Amino acid sequence: MDKFAENIRTLIEAVQPYAWVIIMVGLITIVVMFAVPSEKAREKAKASAPWIIIGVLLIAGAIYIGNWIFTKITF
């Protein structure tokens, strides 16, 4: 069981940098869509911004909760 827990912890630590890259790409895309002088692009950015924020919270929350669980639980 100890090896299983260590593998899960290694997986969480390996995914963490990639999750931040995905978050940054999503936020930069929204900013660029707001910067483009097109009403259509602005409307799409307004419509997708809440989903990007929810996705950021889910990704970051899952990573931090996973790390917290494995620091509190020892096998």
PDB file of N, CA and C in Angstrom:
ATOM      1  N   MET A   1       0.823  -1.193   0.000  1.00  0.00           N
ATOM      2  CA  MET A   1       0.000   0.000   0.000  1.00  0.00           C
ATOM      3  C   MET A   1       0.871   1.262   0.000  1.00  0.00           C
ATOM      4  N   ASP A   2       2.025   1.157   0.632  1.00  0.00           N
ATOM      5  CA  ASP A   2       2.925   2.305   0.695  1.00  0.00           C
ATOM      6  C   ASP A   2       3.423   2.688  -0.698  1.00  0.00           C
ATOM      7  N   LYS A   3       3.725   1.695  -1.514  1.00  0.00           N
ATOM      8  CA  LYS A   3       4.201   1.962  -2.874  1.00  0.00           C
ATOM      9  C   LYS A   3       3.087   2.597  -3.715  1.00  0.00           C
ATOM     10  N   PHE A   4       1.858   2.148  -3.524  1.00  0.00           N
ATOM     11  CA  PHE A   4       0.719   2.717  -4.245  1.00  0.00           C
ATOM     12  C   PHE A   4       0.545   4.196  -3.905  1.00  0.00           C
ATOM     13  N   ALA A   5       0.607   4.511  -2.625  1.00  0.00           N
ATOM     14  CA  ALA A   5       0.464   5.904  -2.191  1.00  0.00           C
ATOM     15  C   ALA A   5       1.601   6.761  -2.733  1.00  0.00           C
ATOM     16  N   GLU A   6       2.788   6.222  -2.755  1.00  0.00           N
ATOM     17  CA  GLU A   6       3.936   6.976  -3.278  1.00  0.00           C
ATOM     18  C   GLU A   6       3.788   7.212  -4.784  1.00  0.00           C
ATOM     19  N   ASN A   7       3.242   6.236  -5.498  1.00  0.00           N
ATOM     20  CA  ASN A   7       3.004   6.407  -6.939  1.00  0.00           C
ATOM     21  C   ASN A   7       1.956   7.489  -7.203  1.00  0.00           C
ATOM     22  N   ILE A   8       0.906   7.537  -6.397  1.00  0.00           N
ATOM     23  CA  ILE A   8      -0.121   8.571  -6.553  1.00  0.00           C
ATOM     24  C   ILE A   8       0.472   9.946  -6.269  1.00  0.00           C
ATOM     25  N   ARG A   9       1.267  10.040  -5.241  1.00  0.00           N
ATOM     26  CA  ARG A   9       1.903  11.322  -4.911  1.00  0.00           C
ATOM     27  C   ARG A   9       2.844  11.776  -6.023  1.00  0.00           C
ATOM     28  N   THR A  10       3.595  10.850  -6.585  1.00  0.00           N
ATOM     29  CA  THR A  10       4.484  11.173  -7.704  1.00  0.00           C
ATOM     30  C   THR A  10       3.687  11.652  -8.912  1.00  0.00           C
ATOM     31  N   LEU A  11       2.548  11.018  -9.156  1.00  0.00           N
ATOM     32  CA  LEU A  11       1.685  11.426 -10.266  1.00  0.00           C
ATOM     33  C   LEU A  11       1.164  12.843 -10.070  1.00  0.00           C
ATOM     34  N   ILE A  12       0.727  13.158  -8.866  1.00  0.00           N
ATOM     35  CA  ILE A  12       0.219  14.504  -8.574  1.00  0.00           C
ATOM     36  C   ILE A  12       1.321  15.544  -8.766  1.00  0.00           C
ATOM     37  N   GLU A  13       2.505  15.252  -8.285  1.00  0.00           N
ATOM     38  CA  GLU A  13       3.616  16.199  -8.427  1.00  0.00           C
ATOM     39  C   GLU A  13       4.041  16.354  -9.880  1.00  0.00           C
ATOM     40  N   ALA A  14       3.901  15.285 -10.680  1.00  0.00           N
ATOM     41  CA  ALA A  14       4.267  15.368 -12.093  1.00  0.00           C
ATOM     42  C   ALA A  14       3.251  16.174 -12.896  1.00  0.00           C
ATOM     43  N   VAL A  15       1.987  16.127 -12.519  1.00  0.00           N
ATOM     44  CA  VAL A  15       0.927  16.804 -13.260  1.00  0.00           C
ATOM     45  C   VAL A  15       0.860  18.293 -12.937  1.00  0.00           C
ATOM     46  N   GLN A  16       1.306  18.686 -11.771  1.00  0.00           N
ATOM     47  CA  GLN A  16       1.149  20.057 -11.299  1.00  0.00           C
ATOM     48  C   GLN A  16       1.693  21.118 -12.262  1.00  0.00           C
ATOM     49  N   PRO A  17       2.906  20.998 -12.793  1.00  0.00           N
ATOM     50  CA  PRO A  17       3.368  22.054 -13.721  1.00  0.00           C
ATOM     51  C   PRO A  17       2.540  22.138 -15.000  1.00  0.00           C
ATOM     52  N   TYR A  18       2.093  20.997 -15.501  1.00  0.00           N
ATOM     53  CA  TYR A  18       1.298  20.998 -16.728  1.00  0.00           C
ATOM     54  C   TYR A  18      -0.075  21.616 -16.498  1.00  0.00           C
ATOM     55  N   ALA A  19      -0.608  21.425 -15.326  1.00  0.00           N
ATOM     56  CA  ALA A  19      -1.902  22.031 -15.006  1.00  0.00           C
ATOM     57  C   ALA A  19      -1.799  23.547 -15.036  1.00  0.00           C
ATOM     58  N   TRP A  20      -0.711  24.098 -14.501  1.00  0.00           N
ATOM     59  CA  TRP A  20      -0.538  25.551 -14.524  1.00  0.00           C
ATOM     60  C   TRP A  20      -0.372  26.070 -15.946  1.00  0.00           C
ATOM     61  N   VAL A  21       0.256  25.283 -16.818  1.00  0.00           N
ATOM     62  CA  VAL A  21       0.388  25.694 -18.221  1.00  0.00           C
ATOM     63  C   VAL A  21      -0.991  25.757 -18.878  1.00  0.00           C
ATOM     64  N   ILE A  22      -1.837  24.766 -18.622  1.00  0.00           N
ATOM     65  CA  ILE A  22      -3.186  24.755 -19.187  1.00  0.00           C
ATOM     66  C   ILE A  22      -3.985  25.953 -18.676  1.00  0.00           C
ATOM     67  N   ILE A  23      -3.852  26.241 -17.396  1.00  0.00           N
ATOM     68  CA  ILE A  23      -4.553  27.387 -16.810  1.00  0.00           C
ATOM     69  C   ILE A  23      -4.103  28.685 -17.468  1.00  0.00           C
ATOM     70  N   MET A  24      -2.814  28.868 -17.632  1.00  0.00           N
ATOM     71  CA  MET A  24      -2.291  30.102 -18.215  1.00  0.00           C
ATOM     72  C   MET A  24      -2.707  30.247 -19.677  1.00  0.00           C
ATOM     73  N   VAL A  25      -2.706  29.165 -20.428  1.00  0.00           N
ATOM     74  CA  VAL A  25      -3.125  29.231 -21.833  1.00  0.00           C
ATOM     75  C   VAL A  25      -4.591  29.655 -21.933  1.00  0.00           C
ATOM     76  N   GLY A  26      -5.432  29.110 -21.067  1.00  0.00           N
ATOM     77  CA  GLY A  26      -6.847  29.495 -21.073  1.00  0.00           C
ATOM     78  C   GLY A  26      -7.043  30.959 -20.748  1.00  0.00           C
ATOM     79  N   LEU A  27      -6.351  31.444 -19.722  1.00  0.00           N
ATOM     80  CA  LEU A  27      -6.495  32.850 -19.339  1.00  0.00           C
ATOM     81  C   LEU A  27      -5.926  33.799 -20.388  1.00  0.00           C
ATOM     82  N   ILE A  28      -4.799  33.442 -20.979  1.00  0.00           N
ATOM     83  CA  ILE A  28      -4.209  34.281 -22.027  1.00  0.00           C
ATOM     84  C   ILE A  28      -5.125  34.325 -23.254  1.00  0.00           C
ATOM     85  N   THR A  29      -5.761  33.203 -23.571  1.00  0.00           N
ATOM     86  CA  THR A  29      -6.688  33.180 -24.699  1.00  0.00           C
ATOM     87  C   THR A  29      -7.853  34.130 -24.467  1.00  0.00           C
ATOM     88  N   ILE A  30      -8.387  34.147 -23.261  1.00  0.00           N
ATOM     89  CA  ILE A  30      -9.499  35.054 -22.947  1.00  0.00           C
ATOM     90  C   ILE A  30      -9.047  36.507 -23.052  1.00  0.00           C
ATOM     91  N   VAL A  31      -7.862  36.817 -22.550  1.00  0.00           N
ATOM     92  CA  VAL A  31      -7.341  38.186 -22.616  1.00  0.00           C
ATOM     93  C   VAL A  31      -7.151  38.615 -24.065  1.00  0.00           C
ATOM     94  N   VAL A  32      -6.622  37.727 -24.897  1.00  0.00           N
ATOM     95  CA  VAL A  32      -6.425  38.066 -26.313  1.00  0.00           C
ATOM     96  C   VAL A  32      -7.771  38.285 -26.998  1.00  0.00           C
ATOM     97  N   MET A  33      -8.752  37.474 -26.650  1.00  0.00           N
ATOM     98  CA  MET A  33     -10.073  37.650 -27.261  1.00  0.00           C
ATOM     99  C   MET A  33     -10.693  38.984 -26.866  1.00  0.00           C
ATOM    100  N   PHE A  34     -10.446  39.435 -25.631  1.00  0.00           N
ATOM    101  CA  PHE A  34     -10.932  40.760 -25.229  1.00  0.00           C
ATOM    102  C   PHE A  34     -10.155  41.875 -25.927  1.00  0.00           C
ATOM    103  N   ALA A  35      -8.893  41.639 -26.245  1.00  0.00           N
ATOM    104  CA  ALA A  35      -8.053  42.676 -26.851  1.00  0.00           C
ATOM    105  C   ALA A  35      -8.339  42.862 -28.346  1.00  0.00           C
ATOM    106  N   VAL A  36      -8.810  41.818 -28.992  1.00  0.00           N
ATOM    107  CA  VAL A  36      -9.099  41.908 -30.427  1.00  0.00           C
ATOM    108  C   VAL A  36     -10.285  42.844 -30.629  1.00  0.00           C
ATOM    109  N   PRO A  37     -10.156  43.800 -31.549  1.00  0.00           N
ATOM    110  CA  PRO A  37     -11.253  44.766 -31.744  1.00  0.00           C
ATOM    111  C   PRO A  37     -12.416  44.193 -32.551  1.00  0.00           C
ATOM    112  N   SER A  38     -13.010  43.127 -32.032  1.00  0.00           N
ATOM    113  CA  SER A  38     -14.143  42.506 -32.692  1.00  0.00           C
ATOM    114  C   SER A  38     -15.223  42.222 -31.653  1.00  0.00           C
ATOM    115  N   GLU A  39     -16.431  42.627 -31.956  1.00  0.00           N
ATOM    116  CA  GLU A  39     -17.531  42.391 -31.028  1.00  0.00           C
ATOM    117  C   GLU A  39     -17.819  40.908 -30.876  1.00  0.00           C
ATOM    118  N   LYS A  40     -17.683  40.169 -31.969  1.00  0.00           N
ATOM    119  CA  LYS A  40     -17.943  38.727 -31.925  1.00  0.00           C
ATOM    120  C   LYS A  40     -16.949  38.030 -30.985  1.00  0.00           C
ATOM    121  N   ALA A  41     -15.681  38.410 -31.069  1.00  0.00           N
ATOM    122  CA  ALA A  41     -14.668  37.810 -30.197  1.00  0.00           C
ATOM    123  C   ALA A  41     -14.918  38.188 -28.740  1.00  0.00           C
ATOM    124  N   ARG A  42     -15.325  39.421 -28.487  1.00  0.00           N
ATOM    125  CA  ARG A  42     -15.623  39.861 -27.117  1.00  0.00           C
ATOM    126  C   ARG A  42     -16.794  39.099 -26.524  1.00  0.00           C
ATOM    127  N   GLU A  43     -17.813  38.883 -27.324  1.00  0.00           N
ATOM    128  CA  GLU A  43     -18.980  38.148 -26.842  1.00  0.00           C
ATOM    129  C   GLU A  43     -18.623  36.698 -26.522  1.00  0.00           C
ATOM    130  N   LYS A  44     -17.784  36.088 -27.362  1.00  0.00           N
ATOM    131  CA  LYS A  44     -17.344  34.722 -27.085  1.00  0.00           C
ATOM    132  C   LYS A  44     -16.493  34.667 -25.827  1.00  0.00           C
ATOM    133  N   ALA A  45     -15.648  35.679 -25.632  1.00  0.00           N
ATOM    134  CA  ALA A  45     -14.814  35.730 -24.430  1.00  0.00           C
ATOM    135  C   ALA A  45     -15.677  35.900 -23.184  1.00  0.00           C
ATOM    136  N   LYS A  46     -16.694  36.754 -23.270  1.00  0.00           N
ATOM    137  CA  LYS A  46     -17.597  36.945 -22.128  1.00  0.00           C
ATOM    138  C   LYS A  46     -18.349  35.656 -21.802  1.00  0.00           C
ATOM    139  N   ALA A  47     -18.715  34.917 -22.832  1.00  0.00           N
ATOM    140  CA  ALA A  47     -19.468  33.681 -22.621  1.00  0.00           C
ATOM    141  C   ALA A  47     -18.587  32.564 -22.055  1.00  0.00           C
ATOM    142  N   SER A  48     -17.314  32.537 -22.433  1.00  0.00           N
ATOM    143  CA  SER A  48     -16.451  31.434 -21.995  1.00  0.00           C
ATOM    144  C   SER A  48     -15.623  31.760 -20.756  1.00  0.00           C
ATOM    145  N   ALA A  49     -15.545  33.001 -20.353  1.00  0.00           N
ATOM    146  CA  ALA A  49     -14.745  33.369 -19.182  1.00  0.00           C
ATOM    147  C   ALA A  49     -15.193  32.658 -17.904  1.00  0.00           C
ATOM    148  N   PRO A  50     -16.475  32.566 -17.610  1.00  0.00           N
ATOM    149  CA  PRO A  50     -16.863  31.841 -16.388  1.00  0.00           C
ATOM    150  C   PRO A  50     -16.459  30.367 -16.413  1.00  0.00           C
ATOM    151  N   TRP A  51     -16.512  29.742 -17.594  1.00  0.00           N
ATOM    152  CA  TRP A  51     -16.120  28.331 -17.685  1.00  0.00           C
ATOM    153  C   TRP A  51     -14.625  28.166 -17.483  1.00  0.00           C
ATOM    154  N   ILE A  52     -13.845  29.129 -17.953  1.00  0.00           N
ATOM    155  CA  ILE A  52     -12.396  29.089 -17.725  1.00  0.00           C
ATOM    156  C   ILE A  52     -12.106  29.214 -16.235  1.00  0.00           C
ATOM    157  N   ILE A  53     -12.790  30.103 -15.562  1.00  0.00           N
ATOM    158  CA  ILE A  53     -12.579  30.289 -14.120  1.00  0.00           C
ATOM    159  C   ILE A  53     -12.976  29.034 -13.344  1.00  0.00           C
ATOM    160  N   ILE A  54     -14.084  28.426 -13.710  1.00  0.00           N
ATOM    161  CA  ILE A  54     -14.502  27.185 -13.055  1.00  0.00           C
ATOM    162  C   ILE A  54     -13.478  26.087 -13.307  1.00  0.00           C
ATOM    163  N   GLY A  55     -12.974  25.997 -14.508  1.00  0.00           N
ATOM    164  CA  GLY A  55     -11.937  25.006 -14.829  1.00  0.00           C
ATOM    165  C   GLY A  55     -10.664  25.229 -14.038  1.00  0.00           C
ATOM    166  N   VAL A  56     -10.276  26.496 -13.886  1.00  0.00           N
ATOM    167  CA  VAL A  56      -9.089  26.826 -13.090  1.00  0.00           C
ATOM    168  C   VAL A  56      -9.281  26.371 -11.649  1.00  0.00           C
ATOM    169  N   LEU A  57     -10.449  26.651 -11.092  1.00  0.00           N
ATOM    170  CA  LEU A  57     -10.716  26.244  -9.712  1.00  0.00           C
ATOM    171  C   LEU A  57     -10.710  24.728  -9.565  1.00  0.00           C
ATOM    172  N   LEU A  58     -11.268  24.020 -10.532  1.00  0.00           N
ATOM    173  CA  LEU A  58     -11.285  22.560 -10.457  1.00  0.00           C
ATOM    174  C   LEU A  58      -9.885  21.960 -10.569  1.00  0.00           C
ATOM    175  N   ILE A  59      -9.100  22.448 -11.523  1.00  0.00           N
ATOM    176  CA  ILE A  59      -7.756  21.905 -11.716  1.00  0.00           C
ATOM    177  C   ILE A  59      -6.875  22.204 -10.509  1.00  0.00           C
ATOM    178  N   ALA A  60      -6.830  23.467 -10.110  1.00  0.00           N
ATOM    179  CA  ALA A  60      -5.977  23.848  -8.984  1.00  0.00           C
ATOM    180  C   ALA A  60      -6.468  23.197  -7.689  1.00  0.00           C
ATOM    181  N   GLY A  61      -7.766  23.139  -7.505  1.00  0.00           N
ATOM    182  CA  GLY A  61      -8.317  22.531  -6.299  1.00  0.00           C
ATOM    183  C   GLY A  61      -7.998  21.052  -6.205  1.00  0.00           C
ATOM    184  N   ALA A  62      -8.113  20.334  -7.310  1.00  0.00           N
ATOM    185  CA  ALA A  62      -7.814  18.904  -7.302  1.00  0.00           C
ATOM    186  C   ALA A  62      -6.351  18.643  -6.964  1.00  0.00           C
ATOM    187  N   ILE A  63      -5.472  19.460  -7.504  1.00  0.00           N
ATOM    188  CA  ILE A  63      -4.046  19.264  -7.234  1.00  0.00           C
ATOM    189  C   ILE A  63      -3.725  19.560  -5.773  1.00  0.00           C
ATOM    190  N   TYR A  64      -4.215  20.662  -5.264  1.00  0.00           N
ATOM    191  CA  TYR A  64      -3.903  21.024  -3.882  1.00  0.00           C
ATOM    192  C   TYR A  64      -4.575  20.102  -2.874  1.00  0.00           C
ATOM    193  N   ILE A  65      -5.791  19.669  -3.163  1.00  0.00           N
ATOM    194  CA  ILE A  65      -6.455  18.734  -2.253  1.00  0.00           C
ATOM    195  C   ILE A  65      -5.734  17.388  -2.271  1.00  0.00           C
ATOM    196  N   GLY A  66      -5.312  16.946  -3.446  1.00  0.00           N
ATOM    197  CA  GLY A  66      -4.541  15.703  -3.532  1.00  0.00           C
ATOM    198  C   GLY A  66      -3.248  15.778  -2.742  1.00  0.00           C
ATOM    199  N   ASN A  67      -2.518  16.881  -2.878  1.00  0.00           N
ATOM    200  CA  ASN A  67      -1.287  17.057  -2.097  1.00  0.00           C
ATOM    201  C   ASN A  67      -1.578  17.105  -0.609  1.00  0.00           C
ATOM    202  N   TRP A  68      -2.637  17.788  -0.221  1.00  0.00           N
ATOM    203  CA  TRP A  68      -2.985  17.898   1.187  1.00  0.00           C
ATOM    204  C   TRP A  68      -3.345  16.532   1.768  1.00  0.00           C
ATOM    205  N   ILE A  69      -4.103  15.744   1.030  1.00  0.00           N
ATOM    206  CA  ILE A  69      -4.482  14.417   1.508  1.00  0.00           C
ATOM    207  C   ILE A  69      -3.254  13.554   1.735  1.00  0.00           C
ATOM    208  N   PHE A  70      -2.313  13.596   0.805  1.00  0.00           N
ATOM    209  CA  PHE A  70      -1.153  12.724   0.935  1.00  0.00           C
ATOM    210  C   PHE A  70      -0.141  13.246   1.955  1.00  0.00           C
ATOM    211  N   THR A  71      -0.230  14.499   2.348  1.00  0.00           N
ATOM    212  CA  THR A  71       0.618  14.948   3.453  1.00  0.00           C
ATOM    213  C   THR A  71       0.002  14.602   4.802  1.00  0.00           C
ATOM    214  N   LYS A  72      -1.330  14.496   4.852  1.00  0.00           N
ATOM    215  CA  LYS A  72      -2.012  14.167   6.106  1.00  0.00           C
ATOM    216  C   LYS A  72      -2.079  12.666   6.372  1.00  0.00           C
ATOM    217  N   ILE A  73      -2.202  11.886   5.329  1.00  0.00           N
ATOM    218  CA  ILE A  73      -2.345  10.435   5.480  1.00  0.00           C
ATOM    219  C   ILE A  73      -0.998   9.773   5.219  1.00  0.00           C
ATOM    220  N   THR A  74      -0.586   8.946   6.120  1.00  0.00           N
ATOM    221  CA  THR A  74       0.626   8.153   5.928  1.00  0.00           C
ATOM    222  C   THR A  74       0.254   6.689   5.922  1.00  0.00           C
ATOM    223  N   PHE A  75       0.853   5.949   5.027  1.00  0.00           N
ATOM    224  CA  PHE A  75       0.552   4.522   4.928  1.00  0.00           C
ATOM    225  C   PHE A  75       1.656   3.719   5.578  1.00  0.00           C
TER     226      PHE A  75
END
